[in-house]
Amino acid sequence: MKRHTICRLCSSCCPVEVEIEDGRLVFAARKSFLPQEKQLICPKLKTAAEITYSPHRLKTP
């Protein structure tokens, strides 16, 4: 299932389209109104699923 949301991995809060399967993030891509050749690829968003489900991720303050 695809959903539209914002990325909270930094303070820019870019609009993104995410793909979710079985309640887990599978893929995230930045939504942009710019032509494809002018869009920037965010390294954090590119690895969003990896960051979210990393076994080394902090889970408590």
N, C-alpha and C. Protein backbone atom coordinates (compact mmCIF):
# COMPACT_ATOMS: atom_id res chain seq x y z
N MET A 1 0.85 -1.17 0.00
CA MET A 1 0.00 0.00 0.00
C MET A 1 0.90 1.24 0.00
N LYS A 2 0.56 2.22 -0.81
CA LYS A 2 1.32 3.46 -0.87
C LYS A 2 0.60 4.54 -0.08
N ARG A 3 1.38 5.37 0.61
CA ARG A 3 0.83 6.48 1.39
C ARG A 3 1.67 7.72 1.18
N HIS A 4 1.06 8.87 1.34
CA HIS A 4 1.75 10.15 1.25
C HIS A 4 1.91 10.68 2.67
N THR A 5 3.12 11.13 3.00
CA THR A 5 3.41 11.62 4.34
C THR A 5 4.60 12.58 4.25
N ILE A 6 5.22 12.88 5.38
CA ILE A 6 6.43 13.69 5.39
C ILE A 6 7.56 12.89 6.04
N CYS A 7 8.77 13.21 5.65
CA CYS A 7 9.96 12.57 6.23
C CYS A 7 10.36 13.36 7.47
N ARG A 8 10.61 12.66 8.57
CA ARG A 8 11.01 13.32 9.81
C ARG A 8 12.44 12.97 10.20
N LEU A 9 13.24 12.53 9.23
CA LEU A 9 14.63 12.17 9.51
C LEU A 9 15.52 13.41 9.64
N CYS A 10 15.02 14.57 9.24
CA CYS A 10 15.74 15.84 9.45
C CYS A 10 14.70 16.95 9.61
N SER A 11 15.16 18.17 9.72
CA SER A 11 14.25 19.29 9.97
C SER A 11 13.56 19.82 8.70
N SER A 12 13.90 19.30 7.53
CA SER A 12 13.30 19.79 6.28
C SER A 12 11.86 19.32 6.09
N CYS A 13 11.51 18.17 6.67
CA CYS A 13 10.15 17.61 6.56
C CYS A 13 9.67 17.53 5.11
N CYS A 14 10.46 16.89 4.26
CA CYS A 14 10.15 16.75 2.84
C CYS A 14 8.91 15.88 2.64
N PRO A 15 8.10 16.19 1.62
CA PRO A 15 6.97 15.31 1.31
C PRO A 15 7.49 14.02 0.69
N VAL A 16 6.97 12.89 1.12
CA VAL A 16 7.41 11.60 0.61
C VAL A 16 6.23 10.68 0.33
N GLU A 17 6.48 9.70 -0.52
CA GLU A 17 5.54 8.62 -0.77
C GLU A 17 6.19 7.36 -0.24
N VAL A 18 5.51 6.66 0.65
CA VAL A 18 6.07 5.44 1.24
C VAL A 18 5.25 4.23 0.81
N GLU A 19 5.92 3.10 0.73
CA GLU A 19 5.25 1.84 0.43
C GLU A 19 5.33 0.98 1.68
N ILE A 20 4.18 0.47 2.10
CA ILE A 20 4.09 -0.33 3.32
C ILE A 20 3.53 -1.70 2.98
N GLU A 21 4.22 -2.75 3.46
CA GLU A 21 3.74 -4.13 3.30
C GLU A 21 3.73 -4.79 4.67
N ASP A 22 2.64 -5.41 5.02
CA ASP A 22 2.49 -6.09 6.32
C ASP A 22 2.82 -5.17 7.49
N GLY A 23 2.45 -3.89 7.38
CA GLY A 23 2.67 -2.94 8.46
C GLY A 23 4.10 -2.44 8.60
N ARG A 24 4.97 -2.77 7.64
CA ARG A 24 6.38 -2.35 7.70
C ARG A 24 6.73 -1.50 6.49
N LEU A 25 7.57 -0.50 6.72
CA LEU A 25 8.06 0.36 5.65
C LEU A 25 8.96 -0.45 4.72
N VAL A 26 8.67 -0.41 3.43
CA VAL A 26 9.46 -1.14 2.45
C VAL A 26 10.29 -0.18 1.60
N PHE A 27 9.69 0.97 1.24
CA PHE A 27 10.34 1.90 0.33
C PHE A 27 9.83 3.30 0.60
N ALA A 28 10.71 4.29 0.46
CA ALA A 28 10.31 5.69 0.60
C ALA A 28 10.97 6.50 -0.51
N ALA A 29 10.20 7.38 -1.13
CA ALA A 29 10.72 8.23 -2.20
C ALA A 29 10.20 9.65 -2.00
N ARG A 30 11.05 10.61 -2.26
CA ARG A 30 10.67 12.01 -2.11
C ARG A 30 9.68 12.41 -3.20
N LYS A 31 8.63 13.08 -2.79
CA LYS A 31 7.66 13.64 -3.74
C LYS A 31 8.13 15.04 -4.07
N SER A 32 8.24 15.34 -5.34
CA SER A 32 8.72 16.65 -5.74
C SER A 32 7.93 17.15 -6.94
N PHE A 33 7.81 18.46 -7.02
CA PHE A 33 7.13 19.07 -8.15
C PHE A 33 8.14 19.54 -9.19
N LEU A 34 9.43 19.30 -8.91
CA LEU A 34 10.49 19.66 -9.84
C LEU A 34 10.67 18.56 -10.87
N PRO A 35 11.21 18.90 -12.04
CA PRO A 35 11.51 17.85 -13.01
C PRO A 35 12.52 16.86 -12.43
N GLN A 36 12.49 15.63 -12.89
CA GLN A 36 13.33 14.55 -12.37
C GLN A 36 14.80 14.94 -12.30
N GLU A 37 15.32 15.61 -13.32
CA GLU A 37 16.75 15.94 -13.36
C GLU A 37 17.15 16.99 -12.33
N LYS A 38 16.19 17.72 -11.75
CA LYS A 38 16.51 18.74 -10.76
C LYS A 38 16.26 18.28 -9.33
N GLN A 39 15.75 17.06 -9.16
CA GLN A 39 15.46 16.56 -7.83
C GLN A 39 16.74 16.08 -7.15
N LEU A 40 16.83 16.35 -5.86
CA LEU A 40 17.96 15.89 -5.07
C LEU A 40 17.61 14.57 -4.40
N ILE A 41 18.58 13.67 -4.32
CA ILE A 41 18.36 12.40 -3.65
C ILE A 41 18.91 12.52 -2.23
N CYS A 42 18.06 12.34 -1.26
CA CYS A 42 18.45 12.43 0.14
C CYS A 42 19.00 11.09 0.61
N PRO A 43 20.22 11.05 1.14
CA PRO A 43 20.79 9.78 1.59
C PRO A 43 20.04 9.17 2.78
N LYS A 44 19.45 10.01 3.62
CA LYS A 44 18.69 9.48 4.76
C LYS A 44 17.40 8.81 4.28
N LEU A 45 16.72 9.46 3.36
CA LEU A 45 15.47 8.90 2.86
C LEU A 45 15.72 7.62 2.06
N LYS A 46 16.83 7.59 1.36
CA LYS A 46 17.19 6.40 0.57
C LYS A 46 17.32 5.16 1.45
N THR A 47 17.75 5.34 2.69
CA THR A 47 17.93 4.22 3.61
C THR A 47 16.93 4.26 4.77
N ALA A 48 15.78 4.88 4.57
CA ALA A 48 14.79 5.05 5.64
C ALA A 48 14.35 3.73 6.27
N ALA A 49 14.08 2.72 5.47
CA ALA A 49 13.65 1.43 6.02
C ALA A 49 14.78 0.80 6.83
N GLU A 50 16.00 0.92 6.33
CA GLU A 50 17.17 0.38 7.03
C GLU A 50 17.36 1.08 8.38
N ILE A 51 17.22 2.40 8.39
CA ILE A 51 17.36 3.19 9.63
C ILE A 51 16.26 2.82 10.62
N THR A 52 15.03 2.72 10.13
CA THR A 52 13.88 2.44 10.98
C THR A 52 13.95 1.09 11.67
N TYR A 53 14.41 0.07 10.96
CA TYR A 53 14.40 -1.28 11.51
C TYR A 53 15.78 -1.81 11.89
N SER A 54 16.76 -0.93 12.02
CA SER A 54 18.10 -1.35 12.41
C SER A 54 18.10 -1.92 13.83
N PRO A 55 18.79 -3.04 14.05
CA PRO A 55 18.88 -3.58 15.41
C PRO A 55 19.71 -2.69 16.34
N HIS A 56 20.46 -1.75 15.77
CA HIS A 56 21.30 -0.84 16.55
C HIS A 56 20.62 0.50 16.83
N ARG A 57 19.37 0.63 16.40
CA ARG A 57 18.62 1.88 16.58
C ARG A 57 18.33 2.11 18.06
N LEU A 58 18.44 3.37 18.49
CA LEU A 58 18.09 3.72 19.87
C LEU A 58 16.58 3.62 20.04
N LYS A 59 16.14 2.97 21.10
CA LYS A 59 14.72 2.79 21.33
C LYS A 59 14.23 3.47 22.60
N THR A 60 15.16 3.95 23.41
CA THR A 60 14.81 4.68 24.63
C THR A 60 15.72 5.90 24.74
N PRO A 61 15.28 6.93 25.45
CA PRO A 61 16.11 8.13 25.59
C PRO A 61 17.40 7.87 26.35
